[in-house]
Amino acid sequence: MLKGITVILVDETEESEDPFGQPVTVKEEIAVDNVLVAPASTDDVTAEMSMTGKKIVYELAIPKGDSHTWTNRQVKFFGQTWRTVGIPQEGIESLIPLAWNRKVMVERYE
C-alpha cells in the first residue's frame, strides 16, 4: 500500500489593506497528510523550462478530498521550501482507484 508524507502548505489570506491600498496578507501553515512526492520526469522539466523558464524538481500527488488552494503556494518538505508551478491537474475522483486525484509540480524556492 502506498503512503505519502506530510507536507506543509503555506496558505495566504488577505486580511486588510495598508495605507497605500495594497493588500496585507497573513500566512498560515497547514499540514497536509499523505502527499506523494516524486521526482519530475525529464519531459516535464524540459517542457516547463522552455515554456516558463522555471525548473521543476518534484511532482506532488494530492490526496482526494483536499480542498486547499495549491496554485502559486509555498510548500515545505524534506527540510526545504518549494513553490508550486502552474495549475494543478485534477482527475475525476470516482474514476481514480487510488487515494490521490490531483497533482502539482514544484520548483525550489529560496
PDB file of N, CA and C in Angstrom:
ATOM      1  N   MET A   1       0.839  -1.188   0.000  1.00  0.00           N
ATOM      2  CA  MET A   1       0.000   0.000   0.000  1.00  0.00           C
ATOM      3  C   MET A   1       0.881   1.247   0.000  1.00  0.00           C
ATOM      4  N   LEU A   2       0.557   2.186  -0.837  1.00  0.00           N
ATOM      5  CA  LEU A   2       1.311   3.432  -0.920  1.00  0.00           C
ATOM      6  C   LEU A   2       0.928   4.359   0.224  1.00  0.00           C
ATOM      7  N   LYS A   3       1.913   5.059   0.748  1.00  0.00           N
ATOM      8  CA  LYS A   3       1.674   6.022   1.826  1.00  0.00           C
ATOM      9  C   LYS A   3       2.546   7.237   1.570  1.00  0.00           C
ATOM     10  N   GLY A   4       1.952   8.407   1.588  1.00  0.00           N
ATOM     11  CA  GLY A   4       2.684   9.640   1.348  1.00  0.00           C
ATOM     12  C   GLY A   4       3.240  10.229   2.631  1.00  0.00           C
ATOM     13  N   ILE A   5       3.841  11.400   2.498  1.00  0.00           N
ATOM     14  CA  ILE A   5       4.413  12.116   3.638  1.00  0.00           C
ATOM     15  C   ILE A   5       3.536  13.319   3.979  1.00  0.00           C
ATOM     16  N   THR A   6       3.821  13.930   5.105  1.00  0.00           N
ATOM     17  CA  THR A   6       3.138  15.167   5.481  1.00  0.00           C
ATOM     18  C   THR A   6       3.934  16.339   4.928  1.00  0.00           C
ATOM     19  N   VAL A   7       3.263  17.207   4.189  1.00  0.00           N
ATOM     20  CA  VAL A   7       3.898  18.424   3.693  1.00  0.00           C
ATOM     21  C   VAL A   7       3.178  19.616   4.316  1.00  0.00           C
ATOM     22  N   ILE A   8       3.889  20.715   4.398  1.00  0.00           N
ATOM     23  CA  ILE A   8       3.315  21.943   4.944  1.00  0.00           C
ATOM     24  C   ILE A   8       2.967  22.860   3.779  1.00  0.00           C
ATOM     25  N   LEU A   9       1.695  23.197   3.660  1.00  0.00           N
ATOM     26  CA  LEU A   9       1.217  24.128   2.644  1.00  0.00           C
ATOM     27  C   LEU A   9       1.086  25.494   3.296  1.00  0.00           C
ATOM     28  N   VAL A  10       1.720  26.504   2.722  1.00  0.00           N
ATOM     29  CA  VAL A  10       1.646  27.859   3.269  1.00  0.00           C
ATOM     30  C   VAL A  10       0.525  28.588   2.535  1.00  0.00           C
ATOM     31  N   ASP A  11      -0.586  28.789   3.239  1.00  0.00           N
ATOM     32  CA  ASP A  11      -1.755  29.447   2.656  1.00  0.00           C
ATOM     33  C   ASP A  11      -1.693  30.938   2.962  1.00  0.00           C
ATOM     34  N   GLU A  12      -2.086  31.746   2.004  1.00  0.00           N
ATOM     35  CA  GLU A  12      -2.073  33.198   2.178  1.00  0.00           C
ATOM     36  C   GLU A  12      -3.497  33.727   2.072  1.00  0.00           C
ATOM     37  N   THR A  13      -3.887  34.538   3.061  1.00  0.00           N
ATOM     38  CA  THR A  13      -5.209  35.156   3.032  1.00  0.00           C
ATOM     39  C   THR A  13      -5.059  36.654   3.176  1.00  0.00           C
ATOM     40  N   GLU A  14      -5.840  37.389   2.396  1.00  0.00           N
ATOM     41  CA  GLU A  14      -5.818  38.849   2.510  1.00  0.00           C
ATOM     42  C   GLU A  14      -6.627  39.241   3.730  1.00  0.00           C
ATOM     43  N   GLU A  15      -5.955  39.978   4.628  1.00  0.00           N
ATOM     44  CA  GLU A  15      -6.607  40.360   5.874  1.00  0.00           C
ATOM     45  C   GLU A  15      -7.167  41.776   5.804  1.00  0.00           C
ATOM     46  N   SER A  16      -6.400  42.684   5.214  1.00  0.00           N
ATOM     47  CA  SER A  16      -6.819  44.082   5.149  1.00  0.00           C
ATOM     48  C   SER A  16      -5.994  44.790   4.079  1.00  0.00           C
ATOM     49  N   GLU A  17      -6.051  46.103   4.080  1.00  0.00           N
ATOM     50  CA  GLU A  17      -5.233  46.902   3.168  1.00  0.00           C
ATOM     51  C   GLU A  17      -4.349  47.836   3.976  1.00  0.00           C
ATOM     52  N   ASP A  18      -3.149  48.096   3.441  1.00  0.00           N
ATOM     53  CA  ASP A  18      -2.272  49.057   4.094  1.00  0.00           C
ATOM     54  C   ASP A  18      -2.691  50.466   3.676  1.00  0.00           C
ATOM     55  N   PRO A  19      -2.071  51.526   4.252  1.00  0.00           N
ATOM     56  CA  PRO A  19      -2.463  52.897   3.921  1.00  0.00           C
ATOM     57  C   PRO A  19      -2.332  53.246   2.431  1.00  0.00           C
ATOM     58  N   PHE A  20      -1.558  52.464   1.678  1.00  0.00           N
ATOM     59  CA  PHE A  20      -1.383  52.733   0.252  1.00  0.00           C
ATOM     60  C   PHE A  20      -2.350  51.921  -0.614  1.00  0.00           C
ATOM     61  N   GLY A  21      -3.261  51.196   0.020  1.00  0.00           N
ATOM     62  CA  GLY A  21      -4.247  50.421  -0.717  1.00  0.00           C
ATOM     63  C   GLY A  21      -3.776  49.055  -1.166  1.00  0.00           C
ATOM     64  N   GLN A  22      -2.597  48.633  -0.713  1.00  0.00           N
ATOM     65  CA  GLN A  22      -2.075  47.311  -1.071  1.00  0.00           C
ATOM     66  C   GLN A  22      -2.578  46.272  -0.066  1.00  0.00           C
ATOM     67  N   PRO A  23      -2.880  45.064  -0.530  1.00  0.00           N
ATOM     68  CA  PRO A  23      -3.391  44.046   0.400  1.00  0.00           C
ATOM     69  C   PRO A  23      -2.334  43.586   1.403  1.00  0.00           C
ATOM     70  N   VAL A  24      -2.766  43.386   2.637  1.00  0.00           N
ATOM     71  CA  VAL A  24      -1.919  42.830   3.687  1.00  0.00           C
ATOM     72  C   VAL A  24      -2.315  41.359   3.825  1.00  0.00           C
ATOM     73  N   THR A  25      -1.345  40.473   3.603  1.00  0.00           N
ATOM     74  CA  THR A  25      -1.656  39.043   3.653  1.00  0.00           C
ATOM     75  C   THR A  25      -1.122  38.407   4.930  1.00  0.00           C
ATOM     76  N   VAL A  26      -1.848  37.406   5.384  1.00  0.00           N
ATOM     77  CA  VAL A  26      -1.454  36.625   6.548  1.00  0.00           C
ATOM     78  C   VAL A  26      -1.151  35.217   6.059  1.00  0.00           C
ATOM     79  N   LYS A  27       0.005  34.686   6.469  1.00  0.00           N
ATOM     80  CA  LYS A  27       0.400  33.338   6.062  1.00  0.00           C
ATOM     81  C   LYS A  27       0.070  32.351   7.173  1.00  0.00           C
ATOM     82  N   GLU A  28      -0.511  31.219   6.764  1.00  0.00           N
ATOM     83  CA  GLU A  28      -0.862  30.163   7.710  1.00  0.00           C
ATOM     84  C   GLU A  28      -0.297  28.846   7.190  1.00  0.00           C
ATOM     85  N   GLU A  29       0.403  28.121   8.052  1.00  0.00           N
ATOM     86  CA  GLU A  29       0.975  26.836   7.663  1.00  0.00           C
ATOM     87  C   GLU A  29      -0.019  25.718   7.969  1.00  0.00           C
ATOM     88  N   ILE A  30      -0.341  24.938   6.937  1.00  0.00           N
ATOM     89  CA  ILE A  30      -1.317  23.859   7.050  1.00  0.00           C
ATOM     90  C   ILE A  30      -0.623  22.539   6.753  1.00  0.00           C
ATOM     91  N   ALA A  31      -0.721  21.580   7.661  1.00  0.00           N
ATOM     92  CA  ALA A  31      -0.136  20.255   7.440  1.00  0.00           C
ATOM     93  C   ALA A  31      -1.107  19.421   6.605  1.00  0.00           C
ATOM     94  N   VAL A  32      -0.618  18.905   5.486  1.00  0.00           N
ATOM     95  CA  VAL A  32      -1.428  18.046   4.618  1.00  0.00           C
ATOM     96  C   VAL A  32      -0.782  16.663   4.627  1.00  0.00           C
ATOM     97  N   ASP A  33      -1.517  15.674   5.101  1.00  0.00           N
ATOM     98  CA  ASP A  33      -1.001  14.310   5.221  1.00  0.00           C
ATOM     99  C   ASP A  33      -1.154  13.532   3.917  1.00  0.00           C
ATOM    100  N   ASN A  34      -0.340  12.491   3.788  1.00  0.00           N
ATOM    101  CA  ASN A  34      -0.445  11.509   2.715  1.00  0.00           C
ATOM    102  C   ASN A  34      -0.247  12.107   1.318  1.00  0.00           C
ATOM    103  N   VAL A  35       0.731  12.983   1.172  1.00  0.00           N
ATOM    104  CA  VAL A  35       1.070  13.558  -0.135  1.00  0.00           C
ATOM    105  C   VAL A  35       2.234  12.755  -0.711  1.00  0.00           C
ATOM    106  N   LEU A  36       2.064  12.275  -1.931  1.00  0.00           N
ATOM    107  CA  LEU A  36       3.151  11.557  -2.599  1.00  0.00           C
ATOM    108  C   LEU A  36       4.093  12.562  -3.239  1.00  0.00           C
ATOM    109  N   VAL A  37       5.394  12.325  -3.111  1.00  0.00           N
ATOM    110  CA  VAL A  37       6.413  13.188  -3.704  1.00  0.00           C
ATOM    111  C   VAL A  37       7.255  12.331  -4.636  1.00  0.00           C
ATOM    112  N   ALA A  38       7.351  12.761  -5.892  1.00  0.00           N
ATOM    113  CA  ALA A  38       8.130  12.007  -6.878  1.00  0.00           C
ATOM    114  C   ALA A  38       8.973  12.973  -7.695  1.00  0.00           C
ATOM    115  N   PRO A  39      10.167  12.565  -8.102  1.00  0.00           N
ATOM    116  CA  PRO A  39      10.974  13.423  -8.978  1.00  0.00           C
ATOM    117  C   PRO A  39      10.227  13.675 -10.285  1.00  0.00           C
ATOM    118  N   ALA A  40      10.347  14.883 -10.797  1.00  0.00           N
ATOM    119  CA  ALA A  40       9.696  15.220 -12.067  1.00  0.00           C
ATOM    120  C   ALA A  40      10.398  14.499 -13.209  1.00  0.00           C
ATOM    121  N   SER A  41       9.638  14.134 -14.219  1.00  0.00           N
ATOM    122  CA  SER A  41      10.226  13.456 -15.381  1.00  0.00           C
ATOM    123  C   SER A  41      11.026  14.457 -16.210  1.00  0.00           C
ATOM    124  N   THR A  42      11.978  13.973 -16.970  1.00  0.00           N
ATOM    125  CA  THR A  42      12.790  14.867 -17.808  1.00  0.00           C
ATOM    126  C   THR A  42      11.933  15.575 -18.840  1.00  0.00           C
ATOM    127  N   ASP A  43      10.884  14.933 -19.322  1.00  0.00           N
ATOM    128  CA  ASP A  43       9.979  15.591 -20.273  1.00  0.00           C
ATOM    129  C   ASP A  43       9.282  16.785 -19.626  1.00  0.00           C
ATOM    130  N   ASP A  44       8.796  16.610 -18.386  1.00  0.00           N
ATOM    131  CA  ASP A  44       8.140  17.709 -17.674  1.00  0.00           C
ATOM    132  C   ASP A  44       9.109  18.847 -17.392  1.00  0.00           C
ATOM    133  N   VAL A  45      10.334  18.504 -16.973  1.00  0.00           N
ATOM    134  CA  VAL A  45      11.346  19.527 -16.673  1.00  0.00           C
ATOM    135  C   VAL A  45      11.654  20.331 -17.925  1.00  0.00           C
ATOM    136  N   THR A  46      11.891  19.651 -19.042  1.00  0.00           N
ATOM    137  CA  THR A  46      12.227  20.322 -20.297  1.00  0.00           C
ATOM    138  C   THR A  46      11.075  21.184 -20.796  1.00  0.00           C
ATOM    139  N   ALA A  47       9.862  20.661 -20.767  1.00  0.00           N
ATOM    140  CA  ALA A  47       8.701  21.406 -21.255  1.00  0.00           C
ATOM    141  C   ALA A  47       8.456  22.660 -20.426  1.00  0.00           C
ATOM    142  N   GLU A  48       8.497  22.537 -19.112  1.00  0.00           N
ATOM    143  CA  GLU A  48       8.242  23.690 -18.243  1.00  0.00           C
ATOM    144  C   GLU A  48       9.352  24.719 -18.359  1.00  0.00           C
ATOM    145  N   MET A  49      10.603  24.266 -18.507  1.00  0.00           N
ATOM    146  CA  MET A  49      11.733  25.180 -18.651  1.00  0.00           C
ATOM    147  C   MET A  49      11.595  25.992 -19.939  1.00  0.00           C
ATOM    148  N   SER A  50      11.183  25.355 -21.021  1.00  0.00           N
ATOM    149  CA  SER A  50      11.065  26.077 -22.287  1.00  0.00           C
ATOM    150  C   SER A  50       9.845  26.998 -22.305  1.00  0.00           C
ATOM    151  N   MET A  51       8.773  26.639 -21.572  1.00  0.00           N
ATOM    152  CA  MET A  51       7.568  27.478 -21.567  1.00  0.00           C
ATOM    153  C   MET A  51       7.654  28.636 -20.581  1.00  0.00           C
ATOM    154  N   THR A  52       8.148  28.380 -19.369  1.00  0.00           N
ATOM    155  CA  THR A  52       8.103  29.407 -18.323  1.00  0.00           C
ATOM    156  C   THR A  52       9.465  29.807 -17.778  1.00  0.00           C
ATOM    157  N   GLY A  53      10.497  29.026 -18.076  1.00  0.00           N
ATOM    158  CA  GLY A  53      11.816  29.305 -17.526  1.00  0.00           C
ATOM    159  C   GLY A  53      11.993  28.792 -16.110  1.00  0.00           C
ATOM    160  N   LYS A  54      11.032  28.040 -15.594  1.00  0.00           N
ATOM    161  CA  LYS A  54      11.116  27.512 -14.233  1.00  0.00           C
ATOM    162  C   LYS A  54      11.566  26.063 -14.270  1.00  0.00           C
ATOM    163  N   LYS A  55      12.459  25.698 -13.342  1.00  0.00           N
ATOM    164  CA  LYS A  55      12.980  24.332 -13.307  1.00  0.00           C
ATOM    165  C   LYS A  55      12.203  23.502 -12.298  1.00  0.00           C
ATOM    166  N   ILE A  56      11.398  22.602 -12.809  1.00  0.00           N
ATOM    167  CA  ILE A  56      10.594  21.714 -11.980  1.00  0.00           C
ATOM    168  C   ILE A  56      11.501  20.654 -11.371  1.00  0.00           C
ATOM    169  N   VAL A  57      11.321  20.387 -10.079  1.00  0.00           N
ATOM    170  CA  VAL A  57      12.137  19.384  -9.403  1.00  0.00           C
ATOM    171  C   VAL A  57      11.297  18.174  -8.997  1.00  0.00           C
ATOM    172  N   TYR A  58      10.140  18.421  -8.372  1.00  0.00           N
ATOM    173  CA  TYR A  58       9.285  17.333  -7.899  1.00  0.00           C
ATOM    174  C   TYR A  58       7.854  17.516  -8.394  1.00  0.00           C
ATOM    175  N   GLU A  59       7.128  16.412  -8.360  1.00  0.00           N
ATOM    176  CA  GLU A  59       5.700  16.426  -8.638  1.00  0.00           C
ATOM    177  C   GLU A  59       5.003  15.869  -7.402  1.00  0.00           C
ATOM    178  N   LEU A  60       3.977  16.577  -6.929  1.00  0.00           N
ATOM    179  CA  LEU A  60       3.244  16.158  -5.737  1.00  0.00           C
ATOM    180  C   LEU A  60       1.888  15.595  -6.138  1.00  0.00           C
ATOM    181  N   ALA A  61       1.497  14.485  -5.534  1.00  0.00           N
ATOM    182  CA  ALA A  61       0.160  13.923  -5.715  1.00  0.00           C
ATOM    183  C   ALA A  61      -0.641  14.255  -4.460  1.00  0.00           C
ATOM    184  N   ILE A  62      -1.728  14.987  -4.643  1.00  0.00           N
ATOM    185  CA  ILE A  62      -2.535  15.488  -3.534  1.00  0.00           C
ATOM    186  C   ILE A  62      -3.671  14.495  -3.257  1.00  0.00           C
ATOM    187  N   PRO A  63      -3.916  14.169  -1.980  1.00  0.00           N
ATOM    188  CA  PRO A  63      -4.955  13.183  -1.664  1.00  0.00           C
ATOM    189  C   PRO A  63      -6.370  13.668  -2.005  1.00  0.00           C
ATOM    190  N   LYS A  64      -7.230  12.712  -2.290  1.00  0.00           N
ATOM    191  CA  LYS A  64      -8.639  13.014  -2.557  1.00  0.00           C
ATOM    192  C   LYS A  64      -9.251  13.704  -1.343  1.00  0.00           C
ATOM    193  N   GLY A  65     -10.183  14.596  -1.591  1.00  0.00           N
ATOM    194  CA  GLY A  65     -10.875  15.279  -0.504  1.00  0.00           C
ATOM    195  C   GLY A  65     -10.186  16.545  -0.026  1.00  0.00           C
ATOM    196  N   ASP A  66      -8.967  16.805  -0.494  1.00  0.00           N
ATOM    197  CA  ASP A  66      -8.259  18.019  -0.085  1.00  0.00           C
ATOM    198  C   ASP A  66      -8.856  19.208  -0.827  1.00  0.00           C
ATOM    199  N   SER A  67      -9.211  20.258  -0.094  1.00  0.00           N
ATOM    200  CA  SER A  67      -9.864  21.414  -0.714  1.00  0.00           C
ATOM    201  C   SER A  67      -9.007  22.677  -0.682  1.00  0.00           C
ATOM    202  N   HIS A  68      -7.734  22.548  -0.337  1.00  0.00           N
ATOM    203  CA  HIS A  68      -6.866  23.721  -0.275  1.00  0.00           C
ATOM    204  C   HIS A  68      -6.487  24.213  -1.667  1.00  0.00           C
ATOM    205  N   THR A  69      -6.103  25.474  -1.741  1.00  0.00           N
ATOM    206  CA  THR A  69      -5.625  26.059  -2.991  1.00  0.00           C
ATOM    207  C   THR A  69      -4.140  25.761  -3.125  1.00  0.00           C
ATOM    208  N   TRP A  70      -3.738  25.145  -4.236  1.00  0.00           N
ATOM    209  CA  TRP A  70      -2.346  24.759  -4.457  1.00  0.00           C
ATOM    210  C   TRP A  70      -1.680  25.599  -5.544  1.00  0.00           C
ATOM    211  N   THR A  71      -2.374  26.550  -6.130  1.00  0.00           N
ATOM    212  CA  THR A  71      -1.816  27.378  -7.193  1.00  0.00           C
ATOM    213  C   THR A  71      -0.979  28.501  -6.586  1.00  0.00           C
ATOM    214  N   ASN A  72       0.279  28.619  -7.034  1.00  0.00           N
ATOM    215  CA  ASN A  72       1.205  29.666  -6.569  1.00  0.00           C
ATOM    216  C   ASN A  72       1.324  29.708  -5.046  1.00  0.00           C
ATOM    217  N   ARG A  73       1.600  28.578  -4.443  1.00  0.00           N
ATOM    218  CA  ARG A  73       1.754  28.482  -2.992  1.00  0.00           C
ATOM    219  C   ARG A  73       3.123  27.929  -2.628  1.00  0.00           C
ATOM    220  N   GLN A  74       3.595  28.312  -1.449  1.00  0.00           N
ATOM    221  CA  GLN A  74       4.820  27.721  -0.917  1.00  0.00           C
ATOM    222  C   GLN A  74       4.461  26.395  -0.258  1.00  0.00           C
ATOM    223  N   VAL A  75       5.362  25.432  -0.393  1.00  0.00           N
ATOM    224  CA  VAL A  75       5.188  24.114   0.195  1.00  0.00           C
ATOM    225  C   VAL A  75       6.504  23.740   0.858  1.00  0.00           C
ATOM    226  N   LYS A  76       6.433  23.154   2.049  1.00  0.00           N
ATOM    227  CA  LYS A  76       7.646  22.767   2.766  1.00  0.00           C
ATOM    228  C   LYS A  76       7.670  21.256   2.975  1.00  0.00           C
ATOM    229  N   PHE A  77       8.773  20.633   2.553  1.00  0.00           N
ATOM    230  CA  PHE A  77       9.022  19.216   2.808  1.00  0.00           C
ATOM    231  C   PHE A  77      10.495  18.950   2.574  1.00  0.00           C
ATOM    232  N   PHE A  78      10.989  17.849   3.103  1.00  0.00           N
ATOM    233  CA  PHE A  78      12.404  17.484   3.036  1.00  0.00           C
ATOM    234  C   PHE A  78      13.303  18.588   3.604  1.00  0.00           C
ATOM    235  N   GLY A  79      12.788  19.390   4.541  1.00  0.00           N
ATOM    236  CA  GLY A  79      13.579  20.440   5.169  1.00  0.00           C
ATOM    237  C   GLY A  79      13.848  21.638   4.275  1.00  0.00           C
ATOM    238  N   GLN A  80      13.128  21.758   3.165  1.00  0.00           N
ATOM    239  CA  GLN A  80      13.326  22.874   2.235  1.00  0.00           C
ATOM    240  C   GLN A  80      11.980  23.487   1.869  1.00  0.00           C
ATOM    241  N   THR A  81      12.043  24.680   1.286  1.00  0.00           N
ATOM    242  CA  THR A  81      10.837  25.368   0.845  1.00  0.00           C
ATOM    243  C   THR A  81      10.763  25.322  -0.674  1.00  0.00           C
ATOM    244  N   TRP A  82       9.578  25.035  -1.194  1.00  0.00           N
ATOM    245  CA  TRP A  82       9.326  24.904  -2.621  1.00  0.00           C
ATOM    246  C   TRP A  82       8.167  25.806  -2.994  1.00  0.00           C
ATOM    247  N   ARG A  83       7.981  26.044  -4.284  1.00  0.00           N
ATOM    248  CA  ARG A  83       6.845  26.834  -4.762  1.00  0.00           C
ATOM    249  C   ARG A  83       6.153  26.059  -5.874  1.00  0.00           C
ATOM    250  N   THR A  84       4.823  25.999  -5.799  1.00  0.00           N
ATOM    251  CA  THR A  84       4.086  25.286  -6.838  1.00  0.00           C
ATOM    252  C   THR A  84       4.135  26.074  -8.141  1.00  0.00           C
ATOM    253  N   VAL A  85       4.127  25.338  -9.247  1.00  0.00           N
ATOM    254  CA  VAL A  85       4.213  25.936 -10.581  1.00  0.00           C
ATOM    255  C   VAL A  85       3.003  25.488 -11.382  1.00  0.00           C
ATOM    256  N   GLY A  86       2.320  26.439 -11.984  1.00  0.00           N
ATOM    257  CA  GLY A  86       1.182  26.101 -12.835  1.00  0.00           C
ATOM    258  C   GLY A  86      -0.071  25.764 -12.047  1.00  0.00           C
ATOM    259  N   ILE A  87      -1.058  25.330 -12.792  1.00  0.00           N
ATOM    260  CA  ILE A  87      -2.348  24.966 -12.218  1.00  0.00           C
ATOM    261  C   ILE A  87      -2.357  23.461 -11.960  1.00  0.00           C
ATOM    262  N   PRO A  88      -2.799  23.034 -10.782  1.00  0.00           N
ATOM    263  CA  PRO A  88      -2.840  21.594 -10.504  1.00  0.00           C
ATOM    264  C   PRO A  88      -3.738  20.850 -11.501  1.00  0.00           C
ATOM    265  N   GLN A  89      -3.305  19.661 -11.881  1.00  0.00           N
ATOM    266  CA  GLN A  89      -4.126  18.801 -12.741  1.00  0.00           C
ATOM    267  C   GLN A  89      -4.989  17.935 -11.837  1.00  0.00           C
ATOM    268  N   GLU A  90      -6.277  17.864 -12.173  1.00  0.00           N
ATOM    269  CA  GLU A  90      -7.198  17.115 -11.315  1.00  0.00           C
ATOM    270  C   GLU A  90      -7.983  16.101 -12.134  1.00  0.00           C
ATOM    271  N   GLY A  91      -8.095  14.894 -11.591  1.00  0.00           N
ATOM    272  CA  GLY A  91      -8.879  13.845 -12.232  1.00  0.00           C
ATOM    273  C   GLY A  91     -10.222  13.689 -11.543  1.00  0.00           C
ATOM    274  N   ILE A  92     -11.116  12.947 -12.168  1.00  0.00           N
ATOM    275  CA  ILE A  92     -12.431  12.688 -11.586  1.00  0.00           C
ATOM    276  C   ILE A  92     -12.253  11.680 -10.450  1.00  0.00           C
ATOM    277  N   GLU A  93     -12.619  12.112  -9.255  1.00  0.00           N
ATOM    278  CA  GLU A  93     -12.349  11.335  -8.041  1.00  0.00           C
ATOM    279  C   GLU A  93     -12.871   9.901  -8.110  1.00  0.00           C
ATOM    280  N   SER A  94     -14.083   9.730  -8.594  1.00  0.00           N
ATOM    281  CA  SER A  94     -14.691   8.392  -8.596  1.00  0.00           C
ATOM    282  C   SER A  94     -14.077   7.455  -9.636  1.00  0.00           C
ATOM    283  N   LEU A  95     -13.343   7.999 -10.600  1.00  0.00           N
ATOM    284  CA  LEU A  95     -12.751   7.171 -11.648  1.00  0.00           C
ATOM    285  C   LEU A  95     -11.298   6.799 -11.374  1.00  0.00           C
ATOM    286  N   ILE A  96     -10.729   7.345 -10.312  1.00  0.00           N
ATOM    287  CA  ILE A  96      -9.331   7.072  -9.982  1.00  0.00           C
ATOM    288  C   ILE A  96      -9.303   6.119  -8.786  1.00  0.00           C
ATOM    289  N   PRO A  97      -8.684   4.948  -8.936  1.00  0.00           N
ATOM    290  CA  PRO A  97      -8.767   3.923  -7.893  1.00  0.00           C
ATOM    291  C   PRO A  97      -7.939   4.194  -6.638  1.00  0.00           C
ATOM    292  N   LEU A  98      -6.894   4.978  -6.721  1.00  0.00           N
ATOM    293  CA  LEU A  98      -6.038   5.191  -5.550  1.00  0.00           C
ATOM    294  C   LEU A  98      -6.514   6.382  -4.727  1.00  0.00           C
ATOM    295  N   ALA A  99      -5.721   6.799  -3.754  1.00  0.00           N
ATOM    296  CA  ALA A  99      -6.129   7.835  -2.802  1.00  0.00           C
ATOM    297  C   ALA A  99      -5.798   9.253  -3.255  1.00  0.00           C
ATOM    298  N   TRP A 100      -5.258   9.427  -4.468  1.00  0.00           N
ATOM    299  CA  TRP A 100      -4.843  10.755  -4.929  1.00  0.00           C
ATOM    300  C   TRP A 100      -5.511  11.062  -6.263  1.00  0.00           C
ATOM    301  N   ASN A 101      -5.999  12.290  -6.427  1.00  0.00           N
ATOM    302  CA  ASN A 101      -6.655  12.640  -7.682  1.00  0.00           C
ATOM    303  C   ASN A 101      -6.167  13.968  -8.268  1.00  0.00           C
ATOM    304  N   ARG A 102      -5.166  14.559  -7.642  1.00  0.00           N
ATOM    305  CA  ARG A 102      -4.655  15.831  -8.140  1.00  0.00           C
ATOM    306  C   ARG A 102      -3.146  15.818  -8.081  1.00  0.00           C
ATOM    307  N   LYS A 103      -2.492  16.492  -9.035  1.00  0.00           N
ATOM    308  CA  LYS A 103      -1.037  16.590  -8.963  1.00  0.00           C
ATOM    309  C   LYS A 103      -0.598  17.995  -9.339  1.00  0.00           C
ATOM    310  N   VAL A 104       0.504  18.405  -8.730  1.00  0.00           N
ATOM    311  CA  VAL A 104       1.052  19.736  -8.967  1.00  0.00           C
ATOM    312  C   VAL A 104       2.573  19.629  -8.960  1.00  0.00           C
ATOM    313  N   MET A 105       3.220  20.470  -9.761  1.00  0.00           N
ATOM    314  CA  MET A 105       4.680  20.464  -9.840  1.00  0.00           C
ATOM    315  C   MET A 105       5.247  21.579  -8.964  1.00  0.00           C
ATOM    316  N   VAL A 106       6.462  21.350  -8.438  1.00  0.00           N
ATOM    317  CA  VAL A 106       7.098  22.357  -7.590  1.00  0.00           C
ATOM    318  C   VAL A 106       8.520  22.642  -8.062  1.00  0.00           C
ATOM    319  N   GLU A 107       8.947  23.888  -7.806  1.00  0.00           N
ATOM    320  CA  GLU A 107      10.323  24.307  -8.066  1.00  0.00           C
ATOM    321  C   GLU A 107      10.946  24.709  -6.741  1.00  0.00           C
ATOM    322  N   ARG A 108      12.264  24.743  -6.690  1.00  0.00           N
ATOM    323  CA  ARG A 108      12.984  25.164  -5.470  1.00  0.00           C
ATOM    324  C   ARG A 108      12.719  26.636  -5.241  1.00  0.00           C
ATOM    325  N   TYR A 109      12.465  27.020  -4.003  1.00  0.00           N
ATOM    326  CA  TYR A 109      12.139  28.398  -3.647  1.00  0.00           C
ATOM    327  C   TYR A 109      13.044  28.836  -2.511  1.00  0.00           C
ATOM    328  N   GLU A 110      13.687  29.975  -2.683  1.00  0.00           N
ATOM    329  CA  GLU A 110      14.598  30.465  -1.632  1.00  0.00           C
ATOM    330  C   GLU A 110      14.190  31.815  -1.145  1.00  0.00           C
TER     331      GLU A 110
END
